[in-house]
Amino acid sequence: MFVEQLDAVDRRLVRELTADGRASYTDLAVRVGLSVSAAHQRVRRLEQRGVIRGYSARIDPDLLGLPLTAFVSVKPIDAAQPDDVPDRLAGLTAIEACHSVAGDESYILKARVEGPGALEALLQEIRSRANVSTRTTVVLSTPYEDRPPPV
């Protein structure tokens, strides 16, 4: 599949929106040197091409009562079982991300929970639902996260 390259103006728009997803088209136009209508048109084109997949608020998990973050590596107990782990775990809202990986494990999950007891319960639920073994790494601190890609 051919992917159209972004020009310098599109890259600047993406950088600006990554830094401030609530920026108005007027602000974006000023920052990148376009007219408001040209900025709007380019952002719309970036959305249609899937470069911009959506907009969201960044939240503080601690303030939501979810101070414990863990990465859970999962590996099927039976290698012959269907590879449907993401589907089996999709309903577990404590799992924030699911990544298919190369290596000993099949997937790495990022989870946020209330504390050690909730993590223990989540791990049991993961093992039960997906018939997998788990290896867990608890996050002590997060110096940075959600960094934008170098555009």
N, C-alpha and C. Protein backbone atom coordinates (compact mmCIF):
# COMPACT_ATOMS: atom_id res chain seq x y z
N MET A 1 0.84 -1.18 0.00
CA MET A 1 0.00 0.00 0.00
C MET A 1 0.88 1.24 0.00
N PHE A 2 0.67 2.14 -0.91
CA PHE A 2 1.43 3.38 -1.00
C PHE A 2 0.90 4.39 0.00
N VAL A 3 1.81 4.93 0.80
CA VAL A 3 1.42 5.93 1.78
C VAL A 3 2.01 7.26 1.33
N GLU A 4 1.12 8.21 1.11
CA GLU A 4 1.55 9.54 0.69
C GLU A 4 2.34 10.20 1.80
N GLN A 5 3.49 10.76 1.45
CA GLN A 5 4.35 11.43 2.43
C GLN A 5 3.73 12.75 2.86
N LEU A 6 4.02 13.14 4.08
CA LEU A 6 3.56 14.42 4.59
C LEU A 6 4.56 15.49 4.19
N ASP A 7 4.03 16.62 3.76
CA ASP A 7 4.94 17.73 3.47
C ASP A 7 5.25 18.48 4.77
N ALA A 8 6.12 19.48 4.68
CA ALA A 8 6.58 20.21 5.87
C ALA A 8 5.42 20.88 6.60
N VAL A 9 4.44 21.41 5.88
CA VAL A 9 3.31 22.09 6.51
C VAL A 9 2.43 21.08 7.25
N ASP A 10 2.16 19.94 6.63
CA ASP A 10 1.38 18.91 7.29
C ASP A 10 2.08 18.44 8.56
N ARG A 11 3.39 18.27 8.50
CA ARG A 11 4.15 17.86 9.67
C ARG A 11 4.04 18.89 10.79
N ARG A 12 4.10 20.15 10.43
CA ARG A 12 3.96 21.21 11.44
C ARG A 12 2.57 21.19 12.05
N LEU A 13 1.55 20.98 11.23
CA LEU A 13 0.19 20.88 11.74
C LEU A 13 0.06 19.71 12.72
N VAL A 14 0.62 18.57 12.36
CA VAL A 14 0.57 17.40 13.24
C VAL A 14 1.29 17.70 14.55
N ARG A 15 2.46 18.33 14.49
CA ARG A 15 3.18 18.69 15.72
C ARG A 15 2.35 19.62 16.60
N GLU A 16 1.74 20.62 15.98
CA GLU A 16 0.93 21.58 16.74
C GLU A 16 -0.28 20.90 17.38
N LEU A 17 -0.95 20.03 16.64
CA LEU A 17 -2.12 19.35 17.18
C LEU A 17 -1.75 18.31 18.24
N THR A 18 -0.57 17.73 18.10
CA THR A 18 -0.11 16.79 19.12
C THR A 18 0.15 17.53 20.43
N ALA A 19 0.68 18.73 20.32
CA ALA A 19 0.96 19.54 21.52
C ALA A 19 -0.32 20.11 22.11
N ASP A 20 -1.28 20.47 21.25
CA ASP A 20 -2.54 21.08 21.71
C ASP A 20 -3.67 20.67 20.79
N GLY A 21 -4.31 19.56 21.11
CA GLY A 21 -5.39 19.03 20.28
C GLY A 21 -6.63 19.90 20.27
N ARG A 22 -6.68 20.90 21.16
CA ARG A 22 -7.83 21.80 21.21
C ARG A 22 -7.56 23.13 20.52
N ALA A 23 -6.43 23.24 19.85
CA ALA A 23 -6.10 24.49 19.15
C ALA A 23 -7.16 24.80 18.11
N SER A 24 -7.52 26.06 18.01
CA SER A 24 -8.49 26.47 16.99
C SER A 24 -7.81 26.51 15.62
N TYR A 25 -8.61 26.50 14.58
CA TYR A 25 -8.04 26.61 13.24
C TYR A 25 -7.35 27.95 13.06
N THR A 26 -7.84 28.97 13.72
CA THR A 26 -7.20 30.29 13.66
C THR A 26 -5.80 30.21 14.27
N ASP A 27 -5.69 29.60 15.45
CA ASP A 27 -4.38 29.45 16.08
C ASP A 27 -3.44 28.60 15.23
N LEU A 28 -3.95 27.50 14.72
CA LEU A 28 -3.12 26.65 13.87
C LEU A 28 -2.63 27.39 12.64
N ALA A 29 -3.52 28.15 12.03
CA ALA A 29 -3.15 28.90 10.82
C ALA A 29 -2.01 29.87 11.11
N VAL A 30 -2.10 30.57 12.22
CA VAL A 30 -1.05 31.53 12.59
C VAL A 30 0.26 30.79 12.84
N ARG A 31 0.19 29.69 13.57
CA ARG A 31 1.41 28.95 13.95
C ARG A 31 2.14 28.35 12.75
N VAL A 32 1.39 27.95 11.72
CA VAL A 32 2.05 27.31 10.57
C VAL A 32 2.09 28.17 9.32
N GLY A 33 1.53 29.38 9.41
CA GLY A 33 1.61 30.31 8.28
C GLY A 33 0.65 30.03 7.15
N LEU A 34 -0.56 29.66 7.48
CA LEU A 34 -1.59 29.40 6.48
C LEU A 34 -2.79 30.29 6.74
N SER A 35 -3.70 30.32 5.77
CA SER A 35 -5.00 30.96 6.02
C SER A 35 -5.81 29.98 6.88
N VAL A 36 -6.83 30.50 7.52
CA VAL A 36 -7.67 29.64 8.37
C VAL A 36 -8.32 28.54 7.53
N SER A 37 -8.82 28.88 6.36
CA SER A 37 -9.48 27.87 5.52
C SER A 37 -8.47 26.82 5.04
N ALA A 38 -7.25 27.22 4.73
CA ALA A 38 -6.24 26.25 4.30
C ALA A 38 -5.85 25.33 5.45
N ALA A 39 -5.73 25.88 6.66
CA ALA A 39 -5.41 25.05 7.83
C ALA A 39 -6.53 24.04 8.07
N HIS A 40 -7.78 24.51 8.00
CA HIS A 40 -8.93 23.63 8.20
C HIS A 40 -8.94 22.52 7.15
N GLN A 41 -8.71 22.89 5.91
CA GLN A 41 -8.73 21.92 4.81
C GLN A 41 -7.63 20.86 5.00
N ARG A 42 -6.44 21.31 5.38
CA ARG A 42 -5.33 20.37 5.56
C ARG A 42 -5.58 19.44 6.75
N VAL A 43 -6.11 19.96 7.85
CA VAL A 43 -6.41 19.12 9.00
C VAL A 43 -7.47 18.09 8.62
N ARG A 44 -8.47 18.51 7.90
CA ARG A 44 -9.52 17.57 7.46
C ARG A 44 -8.94 16.48 6.58
N ARG A 45 -8.01 16.86 5.70
CA ARG A 45 -7.37 15.87 4.82
C ARG A 45 -6.52 14.90 5.65
N LEU A 46 -5.83 15.40 6.66
CA LEU A 46 -5.05 14.52 7.55
C LEU A 46 -5.96 13.56 8.30
N GLU A 47 -7.13 14.02 8.71
CA GLU A 47 -8.10 13.15 9.38
C GLU A 47 -8.62 12.09 8.41
N GLN A 48 -8.96 12.49 7.19
CA GLN A 48 -9.50 11.55 6.20
C GLN A 48 -8.47 10.49 5.81
N ARG A 49 -7.19 10.87 5.79
CA ARG A 49 -6.13 9.93 5.43
C ARG A 49 -5.77 9.02 6.60
N GLY A 50 -6.30 9.33 7.78
CA GLY A 50 -6.02 8.50 8.94
C GLY A 50 -4.74 8.88 9.67
N VAL A 51 -4.09 9.96 9.26
CA VAL A 51 -2.90 10.42 9.98
C VAL A 51 -3.33 10.87 11.37
N ILE A 52 -4.40 11.64 11.43
CA ILE A 52 -5.01 12.04 12.70
C ILE A 52 -6.19 11.10 12.91
N ARG A 53 -6.10 10.27 13.94
CA ARG A 53 -7.13 9.25 14.18
C ARG A 53 -8.20 9.70 15.15
N GLY A 54 -7.99 10.81 15.82
CA GLY A 54 -8.98 11.28 16.77
C GLY A 54 -8.36 12.24 17.76
N TYR A 55 -9.16 12.69 18.68
CA TYR A 55 -8.73 13.64 19.70
C TYR A 55 -9.21 13.12 21.05
N SER A 56 -8.39 13.31 22.07
CA SER A 56 -8.79 12.83 23.38
C SER A 56 -8.17 13.70 24.47
N ALA A 57 -8.71 13.55 25.65
CA ALA A 57 -8.18 14.25 26.82
C ALA A 57 -7.16 13.36 27.50
N ARG A 58 -6.08 13.94 27.99
CA ARG A 58 -5.11 13.20 28.79
C ARG A 58 -5.54 13.32 30.25
N ILE A 59 -5.64 12.21 30.90
CA ILE A 59 -6.14 12.21 32.28
C ILE A 59 -5.02 11.82 33.24
N ASP A 60 -5.21 12.13 34.49
CA ASP A 60 -4.28 11.73 35.54
C ASP A 60 -4.87 10.50 36.22
N PRO A 61 -4.31 9.32 35.97
CA PRO A 61 -4.89 8.10 36.55
C PRO A 61 -4.90 8.11 38.07
N ASP A 62 -3.90 8.75 38.69
CA ASP A 62 -3.88 8.82 40.16
C ASP A 62 -5.13 9.51 40.69
N LEU A 63 -5.53 10.60 40.02
CA LEU A 63 -6.70 11.35 40.47
C LEU A 63 -8.00 10.61 40.19
N LEU A 64 -7.95 9.59 39.35
CA LEU A 64 -9.12 8.74 39.10
C LEU A 64 -9.11 7.50 39.99
N GLY A 65 -8.14 7.44 40.89
CA GLY A 65 -8.07 6.28 41.79
C GLY A 65 -7.42 5.07 41.17
N LEU A 66 -6.57 5.27 40.16
CA LEU A 66 -5.88 4.17 39.50
C LEU A 66 -4.37 4.39 39.54
N PRO A 67 -3.77 4.37 40.74
CA PRO A 67 -2.36 4.72 40.86
C PRO A 67 -1.38 3.62 40.45
N LEU A 68 -1.84 2.38 40.33
CA LEU A 68 -0.93 1.28 40.03
C LEU A 68 -1.00 0.94 38.54
N THR A 69 0.14 1.06 37.88
CA THR A 69 0.27 0.68 36.47
C THR A 69 1.15 -0.55 36.40
N ALA A 70 0.76 -1.51 35.57
CA ALA A 70 1.55 -2.72 35.40
C ALA A 70 1.55 -3.13 33.93
N PHE A 71 2.64 -3.75 33.54
CA PHE A 71 2.74 -4.38 32.23
C PHE A 71 2.67 -5.88 32.45
N VAL A 72 1.75 -6.51 31.76
CA VAL A 72 1.52 -7.94 31.95
C VAL A 72 1.81 -8.64 30.63
N SER A 73 2.86 -9.48 30.64
CA SER A 73 3.19 -10.28 29.46
C SER A 73 2.39 -11.57 29.55
N VAL A 74 1.77 -11.96 28.44
CA VAL A 74 0.98 -13.18 28.44
C VAL A 74 1.47 -14.15 27.37
N LYS A 75 1.38 -15.42 27.72
CA LYS A 75 1.82 -16.49 26.83
C LYS A 75 0.80 -17.61 26.94
N PRO A 76 0.35 -18.15 25.80
CA PRO A 76 -0.63 -19.24 25.87
C PRO A 76 -0.07 -20.46 26.60
N ILE A 77 -0.90 -21.08 27.39
CA ILE A 77 -0.49 -22.31 28.07
C ILE A 77 -0.37 -23.43 27.03
N ASP A 78 -1.28 -23.45 26.08
CA ASP A 78 -1.27 -24.44 25.00
C ASP A 78 -1.00 -23.70 23.69
N ALA A 79 0.16 -23.93 23.10
CA ALA A 79 0.55 -23.23 21.88
C ALA A 79 -0.39 -23.54 20.71
N ALA A 80 -1.15 -24.62 20.81
CA ALA A 80 -2.06 -25.00 19.72
C ALA A 80 -3.40 -24.27 19.80
N GLN A 81 -3.65 -23.56 20.92
CA GLN A 81 -4.94 -22.88 21.05
C GLN A 81 -5.02 -21.70 20.08
N PRO A 82 -6.24 -21.29 19.70
CA PRO A 82 -6.39 -20.16 18.78
C PRO A 82 -5.80 -18.89 19.38
N ASP A 83 -5.28 -18.04 18.51
CA ASP A 83 -4.69 -16.77 18.96
C ASP A 83 -5.80 -15.72 19.05
N ASP A 84 -6.60 -15.81 20.10
CA ASP A 84 -7.72 -14.89 20.28
C ASP A 84 -7.66 -14.15 21.62
N VAL A 85 -6.45 -14.01 22.15
CA VAL A 85 -6.27 -13.35 23.44
C VAL A 85 -6.88 -11.95 23.45
N PRO A 86 -6.62 -11.10 22.44
CA PRO A 86 -7.22 -9.75 22.49
C PRO A 86 -8.74 -9.79 22.59
N ASP A 87 -9.38 -10.69 21.86
CA ASP A 87 -10.83 -10.79 21.92
C ASP A 87 -11.30 -11.26 23.30
N ARG A 88 -10.60 -12.21 23.88
CA ARG A 88 -10.99 -12.75 25.18
C ARG A 88 -10.85 -11.71 26.30
N LEU A 89 -9.91 -10.77 26.12
CA LEU A 89 -9.64 -9.80 27.18
C LEU A 89 -10.23 -8.42 26.91
N ALA A 90 -10.88 -8.25 25.78
CA ALA A 90 -11.39 -6.93 25.39
C ALA A 90 -12.33 -6.32 26.42
N GLY A 91 -13.06 -7.12 27.14
CA GLY A 91 -14.02 -6.61 28.11
C GLY A 91 -13.42 -6.19 29.45
N LEU A 92 -12.13 -6.42 29.64
CA LEU A 92 -11.49 -6.03 30.90
C LEU A 92 -11.03 -4.58 30.80
N THR A 93 -11.80 -3.69 31.39
CA THR A 93 -11.55 -2.26 31.22
C THR A 93 -10.27 -1.78 31.91
N ALA A 94 -9.71 -2.57 32.82
CA ALA A 94 -8.45 -2.19 33.46
C ALA A 94 -7.28 -2.29 32.48
N ILE A 95 -7.46 -3.03 31.39
CA ILE A 95 -6.41 -3.15 30.38
C ILE A 95 -6.52 -1.96 29.45
N GLU A 96 -5.50 -1.13 29.48
CA GLU A 96 -5.47 0.10 28.70
C GLU A 96 -4.94 -0.13 27.29
N ALA A 97 -4.03 -1.09 27.11
CA ALA A 97 -3.44 -1.35 25.80
C ALA A 97 -3.07 -2.81 25.70
N CYS A 98 -3.11 -3.33 24.48
CA CYS A 98 -2.73 -4.71 24.20
C CYS A 98 -1.84 -4.68 22.97
N HIS A 99 -0.60 -5.17 23.13
CA HIS A 99 0.37 -5.15 22.04
C HIS A 99 0.79 -6.58 21.70
N SER A 100 0.69 -6.96 20.43
CA SER A 100 1.22 -8.22 19.97
C SER A 100 2.74 -8.04 19.84
N VAL A 101 3.51 -8.99 20.39
CA VAL A 101 4.96 -8.82 20.42
C VAL A 101 5.68 -10.07 19.93
N ALA A 102 6.92 -9.87 19.52
CA ALA A 102 7.80 -10.99 19.19
C ALA A 102 8.58 -11.35 20.45
N GLY A 103 8.94 -12.60 20.57
CA GLY A 103 9.69 -13.04 21.75
C GLY A 103 8.99 -14.18 22.43
N ASP A 104 9.30 -14.39 23.70
CA ASP A 104 8.71 -15.50 24.45
C ASP A 104 7.22 -15.35 24.65
N GLU A 105 6.78 -14.13 24.92
CA GLU A 105 5.37 -13.88 25.15
C GLU A 105 4.68 -13.54 23.83
N SER A 106 3.36 -13.65 23.85
CA SER A 106 2.57 -13.32 22.67
C SER A 106 2.07 -11.88 22.69
N TYR A 107 1.71 -11.41 23.88
CA TYR A 107 1.15 -10.06 24.04
C TYR A 107 1.71 -9.42 25.30
N ILE A 108 1.78 -8.10 25.26
CA ILE A 108 2.06 -7.33 26.47
C ILE A 108 0.88 -6.39 26.67
N LEU A 109 0.33 -6.44 27.86
CA LEU A 109 -0.83 -5.62 28.22
C LEU A 109 -0.39 -4.51 29.15
N LYS A 110 -0.99 -3.35 29.01
CA LYS A 110 -0.76 -2.26 29.96
C LYS A 110 -2.06 -2.13 30.74
N ALA A 111 -1.94 -2.20 32.06
CA ALA A 111 -3.13 -2.15 32.90
C ALA A 111 -2.96 -1.08 33.98
N ARG A 112 -4.08 -0.48 34.36
CA ARG A 112 -4.11 0.48 35.47
C ARG A 112 -5.20 0.02 36.43
N VAL A 113 -4.82 -0.07 37.72
CA VAL A 113 -5.75 -0.56 38.74
C VAL A 113 -5.60 0.24 40.04
N GLU A 114 -6.51 -0.06 40.97
CA GLU A 114 -6.57 0.66 42.24
C GLU A 114 -5.42 0.31 43.18
N GLY A 115 -4.91 -0.90 43.11
CA GLY A 115 -3.86 -1.31 44.03
C GLY A 115 -3.49 -2.77 43.83
N PRO A 116 -2.61 -3.30 44.70
CA PRO A 116 -2.15 -4.68 44.56
C PRO A 116 -3.26 -5.73 44.55
N GLY A 117 -4.27 -5.55 45.37
CA GLY A 117 -5.38 -6.51 45.39
C GLY A 117 -6.13 -6.53 44.06
N ALA A 118 -6.34 -5.36 43.51
CA ALA A 118 -7.02 -5.28 42.21
C ALA A 118 -6.15 -5.87 41.10
N LEU A 119 -4.84 -5.68 41.20
CA LEU A 119 -3.94 -6.28 40.21
C LEU A 119 -3.98 -7.79 40.31
N GLU A 120 -3.96 -8.31 41.51
CA GLU A 120 -4.03 -9.76 41.70
C GLU A 120 -5.32 -10.32 41.10
N ALA A 121 -6.43 -9.65 41.34
CA ALA A 121 -7.72 -10.10 40.77
C ALA A 121 -7.70 -10.01 39.25
N LEU A 122 -7.12 -8.95 38.71
CA LEU A 122 -7.05 -8.80 37.26
C LEU A 122 -6.21 -9.92 36.64
N LEU A 123 -5.07 -10.22 37.26
CA LEU A 123 -4.21 -11.29 36.74
C LEU A 123 -4.95 -12.62 36.72
N GLN A 124 -5.69 -12.89 37.76
CA GLN A 124 -6.47 -14.14 37.81
C GLN A 124 -7.52 -14.16 36.70
N GLU A 125 -8.16 -13.03 36.48
CA GLU A 125 -9.17 -12.94 35.42
C GLU A 125 -8.54 -13.11 34.04
N ILE A 126 -7.38 -12.51 33.82
CA ILE A 126 -6.66 -12.67 32.54
C ILE A 126 -6.32 -14.13 32.31
N ARG A 127 -5.76 -14.79 33.31
CA ARG A 127 -5.39 -16.21 33.17
C ARG A 127 -6.61 -17.07 32.89
N SER A 128 -7.68 -16.79 33.57
CA SER A 128 -8.90 -17.58 33.43
C SER A 128 -9.54 -17.38 32.06
N ARG A 129 -9.71 -16.13 31.66
CA ARG A 129 -10.39 -15.85 30.39
C ARG A 129 -9.61 -16.31 29.17
N ALA A 130 -8.28 -16.13 29.21
CA ALA A 130 -7.48 -16.35 28.00
C ALA A 130 -6.66 -17.61 28.02
N ASN A 131 -6.69 -18.38 29.13
CA ASN A 131 -5.90 -19.61 29.25
C ASN A 131 -4.42 -19.33 28.95
N VAL A 132 -3.86 -18.37 29.67
CA VAL A 132 -2.48 -17.95 29.47
C VAL A 132 -1.73 -17.95 30.79
N SER A 133 -0.40 -17.97 30.68
CA SER A 133 0.43 -17.69 31.84
C SER A 133 0.81 -16.21 31.76
N THR A 134 1.12 -15.61 32.89
CA THR A 134 1.43 -14.18 32.91
C THR A 134 2.77 -13.93 33.60
N ARG A 135 3.39 -12.83 33.21
CA ARG A 135 4.58 -12.31 33.88
C ARG A 135 4.34 -10.82 34.02
N THR A 136 4.42 -10.31 35.23
CA THR A 136 3.99 -8.93 35.52
C THR A 136 5.15 -8.06 35.97
N THR A 137 5.17 -6.84 35.44
CA THR A 137 6.11 -5.81 35.86
C THR A 137 5.30 -4.64 36.36
N VAL A 138 5.52 -4.25 37.61
CA VAL A 138 4.80 -3.12 38.21
C VAL A 138 5.62 -1.86 37.98
N VAL A 139 4.96 -0.80 37.54
CA VAL A 139 5.61 0.48 37.28
C VAL A 139 5.79 1.23 38.60
N LEU A 140 7.01 1.70 38.85
CA LEU A 140 7.28 2.48 40.06
C LEU A 140 7.04 3.97 39.82
N SER A 141 7.45 4.47 38.67
CA SER A 141 7.20 5.86 38.30
C SER A 141 7.23 5.97 36.79
N THR A 142 6.67 7.05 36.27
CA THR A 142 6.62 7.27 34.83
C THR A 142 7.17 8.66 34.53
N PRO A 143 8.47 8.75 34.23
CA PRO A 143 9.06 10.06 33.92
C PRO A 143 8.41 10.75 32.72
N TYR A 144 8.01 9.98 31.71
CA TYR A 144 7.25 10.54 30.59
C TYR A 144 6.46 9.44 29.92
N GLU A 145 5.38 9.87 29.26
CA GLU A 145 4.46 8.94 28.60
C GLU A 145 3.71 9.71 27.53
N ASP A 146 3.16 9.03 26.57
CA ASP A 146 2.37 9.63 25.49
C ASP A 146 3.17 10.67 24.72
N ARG A 147 4.44 10.41 24.52
CA ARG A 147 5.26 11.34 23.75
C ARG A 147 4.84 11.27 22.28
N PRO A 148 4.78 12.41 21.62
CA PRO A 148 4.42 12.39 20.20
C PRO A 148 5.56 11.80 19.37
N PRO A 149 5.24 11.19 18.26
CA PRO A 149 6.30 10.66 17.40
C PRO A 149 7.08 11.82 16.78
N PRO A 150 8.32 11.58 16.42
CA PRO A 150 9.09 12.65 15.78
C PRO A 150 8.54 12.91 14.37
N VAL A 151 7.90 14.02 14.21
CA VAL A 151 7.26 14.33 12.92
C VAL A 151 8.04 15.41 12.22
